[in-house]
């Protein structure tokens, strides 16, 4: 079964509950969270999200009056070198226009290490995708092209993001002319061995699904490519293609059979996508990581149609009508032959029919003239 996007629980710092404006939790200005207090140079507006490592908070800088985001990491749950590693990667990648800006002065207090980042007013992409519907094609193309550019930028620097998903893509305007990739906590260098920390989710590549928690696996670009493919499907349809990329998952098993051409029937939700997009996703979501196309391949499809139109093309309708007419004629001939075998003649001679009609008209006219002459 395809799973609604709002049913998947996120991990880490993802929101738990959401208010109408896409914000979680309500704090009045000046109110503090005693567990992880806000630094004195900022005023807390509200908490955006909470997670196992800390929280994300919307604040105002007292000096500039500008809205910013503070990303807290509880010192009891993370080591300083881990914090600094993510901070350095975030700052270095922020030169790309589709990567969230992390300001170059981290903040620290007794309880937490803190990033200062720019604020995305529209929240994350997961909140923006209508469940069971997806985005319209124009906004989808804008969002996906920027995300692909950011991930490709990382890959050229030998970095694997490791957690590509809608929650980690932040939206700055409703038309999605500006979206930015964020959260580099799981980023690793290509080829590094890392421990698996989270259970399998729809974005987890098949080769990673077989790895158990705390077992090591090799970070690879193909894992980002797979996650990007699932993200692309979610953006266009508003549902996840499967729960996990494992043979036990019925939806994934059906997709695998279709992808390998073992069956000709396209899975239901995939029918919303154009043939071009289906072709691209088959290449992106290849079961073998080394055979997945690079994320930049999406650029070749920007001028193609991504979603299938509901109305059937006229040419196809004409072919269908022509085919139906041919079949109807054949059926009528078969019926005539069957009736003829039983002595019923259904064929007519057009010449004889015209002759009988002329004779009937002439006879009728003569009768009329005769009647008129008699009355006179």
Protein backbone atom coordinates (compact mmCIF):
# COMPACT_ATOMS: atom_id res chain seq x y z
CA UNK A 1 0.00 0.00 0.00
CA UNK A 2 1.15 3.54 -0.71
CA UNK A 3 1.59 5.48 2.50
CA UNK A 4 0.37 9.02 3.09
CA UNK A 5 3.27 11.36 3.71
CA UNK A 6 1.77 12.74 6.89
CA UNK A 7 1.75 9.27 8.49
CA UNK A 8 5.52 8.77 8.56
CA UNK A 9 7.10 9.82 11.85
CA UNK A 10 10.35 11.70 11.37
CA UNK A 11 13.41 11.36 13.56
CA UNK A 12 15.94 13.76 15.02
CA UNK A 13 14.77 17.36 15.05
CA UNK A 14 11.60 16.98 13.00
CA UNK A 15 8.35 18.58 14.29
CA UNK A 16 6.03 16.67 16.59
CA UNK A 17 2.92 18.84 16.20
CA UNK A 18 2.21 21.59 13.71
CA UNK A 19 0.26 24.84 14.04
CA UNK A 20 -1.58 26.44 11.07
CA UNK A 21 1.52 28.45 10.11
CA UNK A 22 3.73 25.36 10.12
CA UNK A 23 5.23 26.12 13.55
CA UNK A 24 5.29 23.75 16.51
CA UNK A 25 4.82 24.84 20.10
CA UNK A 26 3.79 28.34 21.21
CA UNK A 27 6.08 30.69 23.12
CA UNK A 28 5.48 34.36 23.79
CA UNK A 29 8.44 36.73 23.33
CA UNK A 30 10.78 36.60 26.28
CA UNK A 31 9.54 33.22 27.52
CA UNK A 32 12.41 30.76 28.15
CA UNK A 33 12.90 27.03 27.95
CA UNK A 34 14.74 26.25 31.18
CA UNK A 35 16.28 23.05 29.82
CA UNK A 36 18.09 24.79 26.92
CA UNK A 37 17.93 28.56 27.61
CA UNK A 38 18.14 31.12 24.83
CA UNK A 39 21.35 33.20 24.71
CA UNK A 40 20.93 36.78 26.00
CA UNK A 41 21.57 38.38 22.60
CA UNK A 42 18.34 36.86 21.21
CA UNK A 43 14.63 37.01 22.07
CA UNK A 44 12.68 33.75 21.73
CA UNK A 45 9.53 33.89 19.58
CA UNK A 46 8.58 30.21 19.46
CA UNK A 47 9.94 26.68 19.22
CA UNK A 48 9.86 25.33 15.68
CA UNK A 49 10.67 21.71 16.51
CA UNK A 50 12.04 19.36 19.13
CA UNK A 51 14.01 16.17 18.77
CA UNK A 52 16.25 13.70 20.52
CA UNK A 53 19.31 15.99 20.29
CA UNK A 54 17.74 19.32 21.17
CA UNK A 55 15.41 21.84 19.55
CA UNK A 56 15.08 24.44 16.81
CA UNK A 57 13.85 27.87 17.85
CA UNK A 58 12.73 31.03 16.04
CA UNK A 59 14.31 34.12 17.59
CA UNK A 60 14.93 37.81 16.98
CA UNK A 61 18.44 39.22 17.08
CA UNK A 62 18.36 42.12 19.58
CA UNK A 63 20.96 44.10 17.65
CA UNK A 64 19.63 43.84 14.11
CA UNK A 65 15.95 43.03 14.76
CA UNK A 66 16.26 40.23 12.19
CA UNK A 67 14.48 36.91 12.59
CA UNK A 68 16.82 33.94 12.76
CA UNK A 69 16.81 30.31 13.79
CA UNK A 70 18.80 28.79 16.63
CA UNK A 71 19.52 25.08 16.38
CA UNK A 72 20.34 23.72 19.84
CA UNK A 73 22.35 20.59 20.61
CA UNK A 74 22.16 19.35 24.19
CA UNK A 75 25.70 18.92 25.54
CA UNK A 76 24.56 15.81 27.36
CA UNK A 77 23.68 14.16 24.02
CA UNK A 78 26.42 15.24 21.61
CA UNK A 79 30.19 15.65 21.72
CA UNK A 80 31.80 18.94 20.81
CA UNK A 81 33.74 17.44 17.88
CA UNK A 82 30.48 16.17 16.35
CA UNK A 83 28.92 19.60 16.70
CA UNK A 84 31.93 21.36 15.19
CA UNK A 85 32.08 18.90 12.31
CA UNK A 86 28.46 19.60 11.30
CA UNK A 87 29.00 23.33 11.83
CA UNK A 88 32.04 23.43 9.53
CA UNK A 89 30.33 21.43 6.79
CA UNK A 90 27.21 23.64 7.00
CA UNK A 91 29.25 26.84 6.70
CA UNK A 92 31.35 25.61 3.80
CA UNK A 93 28.35 24.41 1.78
CA UNK A 94 26.37 27.61 2.42
CA UNK A 95 28.15 29.30 -0.49
CA UNK A 96 25.69 27.45 -2.74
CA UNK A 97 22.41 29.38 -3.20
CA UNK A 98 20.29 26.27 -2.56
CA UNK A 99 21.96 25.43 0.78
CA UNK A 100 20.68 26.93 4.03
CA UNK A 101 22.93 29.68 5.40
CA UNK A 102 24.66 28.91 8.70
CA UNK A 103 26.22 32.04 10.15
CA UNK A 104 29.90 31.71 10.93
CA UNK A 105 29.74 32.38 14.68
CA UNK A 106 28.32 29.49 16.70
CA UNK A 107 26.86 30.18 20.15
CA UNK A 108 27.44 28.20 23.32
CA UNK A 109 26.00 28.28 26.82
CA UNK A 110 26.18 25.97 29.83
CA UNK A 111 23.62 23.56 28.41
CA UNK A 112 23.96 23.60 24.64
CA UNK A 113 25.98 24.13 21.48
CA UNK A 114 24.01 26.37 19.11
CA UNK A 115 23.96 27.09 15.37
CA UNK A 116 22.63 30.43 14.12
CA UNK A 117 20.87 29.95 10.76
CA UNK A 118 18.60 31.83 8.39
CA UNK A 119 14.83 31.52 8.81
CA UNK A 120 12.61 29.86 6.16
CA UNK A 121 9.19 31.44 6.62
CA UNK A 122 7.23 28.70 4.83
CA UNK A 123 8.64 25.83 6.88
CA UNK A 124 9.82 22.59 5.30
CA UNK A 125 8.83 20.85 2.09
CA UNK A 126 6.89 18.08 3.85
CA UNK A 127 4.41 20.69 5.11
CA UNK A 128 4.07 22.18 1.62
CA UNK A 129 3.21 18.95 -0.26
CA UNK A 130 -0.56 18.27 -0.39
CA UNK A 131 -1.04 14.64 0.76
CA UNK A 132 -2.29 12.25 -1.97
CA UNK A 133 -2.00 15.08 -4.51
CA UNK A 134 1.52 16.46 -4.75
CA UNK A 135 2.72 19.79 -6.09
CA UNK A 136 1.77 21.23 -9.45
CA UNK A 137 4.37 20.69 -12.15
CA UNK A 138 5.84 24.21 -12.17
CA UNK A 139 6.50 24.32 -8.43
CA UNK A 140 7.75 20.74 -8.45
CA UNK A 141 10.30 21.53 -11.16
CA UNK A 142 11.50 24.65 -9.33
CA UNK A 143 11.89 22.80 -6.04
CA UNK A 144 13.51 19.69 -7.50
CA UNK A 145 15.98 21.53 -9.74
CA UNK A 146 17.33 23.55 -6.80
CA UNK A 147 17.58 20.49 -4.57
CA UNK A 148 19.35 18.52 -7.30
CA UNK A 149 21.82 21.37 -7.76
CA UNK A 150 22.63 21.44 -4.03
CA UNK A 151 23.16 17.67 -3.82
CA UNK A 152 25.30 17.66 -6.99
CA UNK A 153 27.36 20.46 -5.45
CA UNK A 154 28.03 18.23 -2.44
CA UNK A 155 28.91 15.22 -4.59
CA UNK A 156 31.48 17.25 -6.52
CA UNK A 157 33.13 17.89 -3.15
CA UNK A 158 33.11 14.14 -2.36
CA UNK A 159 30.39 14.51 0.29
CA UNK A 160 27.32 12.31 0.79
CA UNK A 161 24.40 14.13 2.46
CA UNK A 162 23.02 10.95 4.01
CA UNK A 163 19.54 12.23 4.91
CA UNK A 164 17.79 13.66 1.84
CA UNK A 165 14.07 14.02 2.60
CA UNK A 166 11.34 16.73 2.45
CA UNK A 167 11.83 17.67 6.12
CA UNK A 168 15.39 18.75 5.30
CA UNK A 169 14.40 21.02 2.41
CA UNK A 170 13.28 24.44 3.65
CA UNK A 171 10.85 26.62 1.71
CA UNK A 172 11.14 30.42 1.55
CA UNK A 173 8.10 31.31 -0.58
CA UNK A 174 4.88 29.63 -1.65
CA UNK A 175 5.84 29.55 -5.34
CA UNK A 176 9.02 27.67 -4.40
CA UNK A 177 11.33 29.97 -6.28
CA UNK A 178 13.70 29.61 -3.31
CA UNK A 179 14.19 26.31 -1.45
CA UNK A 180 17.31 25.24 0.43
CA UNK A 181 18.87 21.97 1.54
CA UNK A 182 19.66 21.70 5.26
CA UNK A 183 20.71 19.33 8.08
CA UNK A 184 24.22 17.99 7.47
CA UNK A 185 24.39 15.97 10.67
CA UNK A 186 24.68 12.69 8.74
CA UNK A 187 27.00 14.00 6.01
CA UNK A 188 30.05 11.83 5.34
CA UNK A 189 32.85 11.67 2.82
CA UNK A 190 32.31 9.31 -0.09
CA UNK A 191 33.70 5.87 0.82
CA UNK A 192 33.81 6.42 4.60
CA UNK A 193 32.46 3.66 6.83
CA UNK A 194 29.71 4.84 9.17
CA UNK A 195 27.38 3.21 11.68
CA UNK A 196 23.70 2.92 10.95
CA UNK A 197 21.81 4.91 13.61
CA UNK A 198 18.19 5.03 12.40
CA UNK A 199 15.65 2.38 11.34
CA UNK A 200 14.68 1.96 7.70
CA UNK A 201 12.40 4.63 6.21
CA UNK A 202 11.03 5.06 2.65
CA UNK A 203 14.18 7.00 1.65
CA UNK A 204 16.61 4.27 2.76
CA UNK A 205 18.32 2.64 -0.23
CA UNK A 206 17.98 -1.16 -0.60
CA UNK A 207 21.68 -1.77 0.10
CA UNK A 208 21.35 0.13 3.38
CA UNK A 209 18.08 -1.56 4.38
CA UNK A 210 19.92 -4.85 4.84
CA UNK A 211 22.23 -3.21 7.41
CA UNK A 212 21.12 -3.47 11.05
CA UNK A 213 21.33 -0.71 13.65
CA UNK A 214 24.91 0.00 14.81
CA UNK A 215 26.33 -2.05 11.94
CA UNK A 216 28.79 -0.32 9.62
CA UNK A 217 28.12 0.56 5.98
CA UNK A 218 29.96 2.56 3.33
CA UNK A 219 28.68 6.07 2.52
CA UNK A 220 28.03 6.35 -1.21
CA UNK A 221 26.54 8.87 -3.64
CA UNK A 222 24.05 6.22 -4.72
CA UNK A 223 22.30 6.48 -1.36
CA UNK A 224 21.61 10.17 -1.97
CA UNK A 225 20.46 9.40 -5.51
CA UNK A 226 17.97 6.84 -4.18
CA UNK A 227 16.63 9.24 -1.53
CA UNK A 228 16.34 11.95 -4.16
CA UNK A 229 14.26 9.60 -6.34
CA UNK A 230 11.86 8.87 -3.49
CA UNK A 231 11.70 12.61 -2.76
CA UNK A 232 10.86 13.32 -6.41
CA UNK A 233 8.06 10.74 -6.33
CA UNK A 234 6.66 12.26 -3.11
CA UNK A 235 6.73 15.79 -4.51
CA UNK A 236 4.75 14.74 -7.60
CA UNK A 237 2.22 12.38 -5.98
CA UNK A 238 1.90 13.33 -2.30
CA UNK A 239 2.49 9.76 -1.11
CA UNK A 240 5.45 7.53 -0.36
CA UNK A 241 6.05 4.82 -2.97
CA UNK A 242 6.63 2.21 -0.22
CA UNK A 243 7.29 1.84 3.48
CA UNK A 244 10.75 0.30 3.09
CA UNK A 245 12.76 -0.80 0.06
CA UNK A 246 12.69 -4.47 1.06
CA UNK A 247 11.15 -7.56 -0.59
CA UNK A 248 8.73 -7.86 2.34
CA UNK A 249 7.10 -4.57 1.37
CA UNK A 250 4.33 -5.27 -1.18
CA UNK A 251 4.52 -1.87 -2.87
CA UNK A 252 8.28 -2.10 -3.28
CA UNK A 253 8.02 -5.67 -4.57
CA UNK A 254 5.44 -4.58 -7.16
CA UNK A 255 7.67 -1.70 -8.24
CA UNK A 256 10.68 -4.02 -8.55
CA UNK A 257 8.78 -6.44 -10.80
CA UNK A 258 7.57 -3.55 -12.97
CA UNK A 259 11.03 -1.98 -13.12
CA UNK A 260 12.60 -5.27 -14.22
CA UNK A 261 9.87 -5.67 -16.89
CA UNK A 262 8.57 -8.83 -15.24
CA UNK A 263 5.06 -7.37 -15.42
CA UNK A 264 3.56 -4.90 -17.89
CA UNK A 265 1.02 -3.33 -15.54
CA UNK A 266 2.21 0.02 -14.16
CA UNK A 267 1.64 0.33 -10.36
CA UNK A 268 -1.34 2.58 -9.65
CA UNK A 269 0.34 5.69 -8.22
CA UNK A 270 3.05 5.62 -10.89
CA UNK A 271 0.39 6.16 -13.55
CA UNK A 272 0.15 9.80 -12.49
CA UNK A 273 3.63 10.33 -13.89
CA UNK A 274 4.41 10.85 -17.55
CA UNK A 275 6.28 8.16 -19.46
CA UNK A 276 9.39 10.37 -19.44
CA UNK A 277 9.31 10.73 -15.66
CA UNK A 278 8.69 7.01 -15.20
CA UNK A 279 11.75 6.36 -17.34
CA UNK A 280 13.89 8.75 -15.28
CA UNK A 281 12.77 7.30 -11.95
CA UNK A 282 13.52 3.79 -13.15
CA UNK A 283 17.09 4.95 -13.73
CA UNK A 284 17.35 6.81 -10.42
CA UNK A 285 15.78 4.00 -8.39
CA UNK A 286 17.86 1.19 -9.83
CA UNK A 287 18.41 -1.59 -7.24
CA UNK A 288 22.16 -1.57 -7.94
CA UNK A 289 23.76 1.64 -6.63
CA UNK A 290 26.49 1.70 -9.29
CA UNK A 291 23.88 1.73 -12.07
CA UNK A 292 21.87 4.69 -10.75
CA UNK A 293 22.20 7.79 -12.89
CA UNK A 294 23.75 10.91 -11.31
CA UNK A 295 21.35 13.45 -9.83
CA UNK A 296 22.29 15.98 -12.52
CA UNK A 297 20.43 13.78 -15.04
CA UNK A 298 17.25 15.59 -13.92
CA UNK A 299 18.38 18.65 -15.90
CA UNK A 300 17.77 16.78 -19.16
CA UNK A 301 14.10 16.44 -18.22
CA UNK A 302 13.30 20.00 -17.18
CA UNK A 303 11.56 20.75 -20.50
CA UNK A 304 9.69 17.44 -20.50
CA UNK A 305 6.23 16.81 -19.12
CA UNK A 306 6.45 15.26 -15.64
CA UNK A 307 2.79 14.59 -14.85
CA UNK A 308 0.36 12.67 -17.03
CA UNK A 309 -2.49 14.82 -18.35
CA UNK A 310 -5.98 13.60 -17.50
CA UNK A 311 -7.36 14.24 -20.99
CA UNK A 312 -6.54 11.67 -23.61
CA UNK A 313 -4.64 13.11 -26.62
CA UNK A 314 -6.88 13.62 -29.73
CA UNK A 315 -4.66 11.42 -31.89
CA UNK A 316 -5.10 8.55 -29.46
CA UNK A 317 -8.86 9.07 -29.33
CA UNK A 318 -9.01 9.01 -33.15
CA UNK A 319 -7.02 5.77 -33.27
CA UNK A 320 -9.34 4.27 -30.68
CA UNK A 321 -12.43 5.33 -32.62
CA UNK A 322 -10.97 3.94 -35.85
CA UNK A 323 -10.17 0.68 -34.12
CA UNK A 324 -13.68 0.50 -32.65
CA UNK A 325 -15.24 1.11 -36.11
CA UNK A 326 -13.16 -1.66 -37.71
CA UNK A 327 -14.12 -4.08 -34.97
CA UNK A 328 -17.80 -3.12 -35.36
CA UNK A 329 -17.76 -3.80 -39.12
CA UNK A 330 -16.15 -7.20 -38.55
CA UNK A 331 -18.76 -8.07 -35.95
CA UNK A 332 -21.61 -7.07 -38.29
CA UNK A 333 -20.18 -9.23 -41.11
CA UNK A 334 -19.97 -12.19 -38.76
CA UNK A 335 -23.58 -11.63 -37.71
CA UNK A 336 -24.77 -11.46 -41.35
CA UNK A 337 -22.99 -14.73 -42.15
CA UNK A 338 -24.62 -16.44 -39.18
CA UNK A 339 -28.09 -15.21 -40.22
CA UNK A 340 -27.49 -16.27 -43.82
CA UNK A 341 -26.75 -19.84 -42.65
CA UNK A 342 -30.26 -19.79 -41.18
CA UNK A 343 -31.85 -18.46 -44.36
CA UNK A 344 -32.06 -14.82 -43.32
CA UNK A 345 -30.71 -12.46 -45.98
CA UNK A 346 -29.48 -9.14 -44.65
CA UNK A 347 -27.36 -7.93 -47.58
CA UNK A 348 -28.99 -5.50 -49.96
CA UNK A 349 -28.17 -4.55 -53.54
CA UNK A 350 -27.91 -0.79 -53.76
CA UNK A 351 -28.77 -0.67 -57.47
CA UNK A 352 -31.88 -2.78 -57.00
CA UNK A 353 -32.87 -0.61 -54.05
CA UNK A 354 -32.56 2.58 -56.12
CA UNK A 355 -34.54 0.99 -58.96
CA UNK A 356 -37.35 -0.02 -56.59
CA UNK A 357 -37.44 3.46 -55.19
CA UNK A 358 -37.70 5.05 -58.66
CA UNK A 359 -40.51 2.63 -59.59
CA UNK A 360 -42.38 3.48 -56.40
CA UNK A 361 -42.10 7.23 -57.05
CA UNK A 362 -43.25 6.91 -60.65
CA UNK A 363 -46.19 4.71 -59.67
CA UNK A 364 -47.25 7.12 -56.97
CA UNK A 365 -47.08 10.09 -59.35
CA UNK A 366 -49.17 8.30 -62.01
CA UNK A 367 -51.80 7.40 -59.41
CA UNK A 368 -52.00 10.98 -58.30
CA UNK A 369 -52.39 12.30 -61.84
CA UNK A 370 -55.09 9.73 -62.61
CA UNK A 371 -57.04 10.68 -59.51
CA UNK A 372 -56.86 14.38 -60.38
CA UNK A 373 -58.11 13.79 -63.95
CA UNK A 374 -61.08 11.74 -62.72
CA UNK A 375 -62.17 14.41 -60.27
CA UNK A 376 -61.99 17.04 -62.94
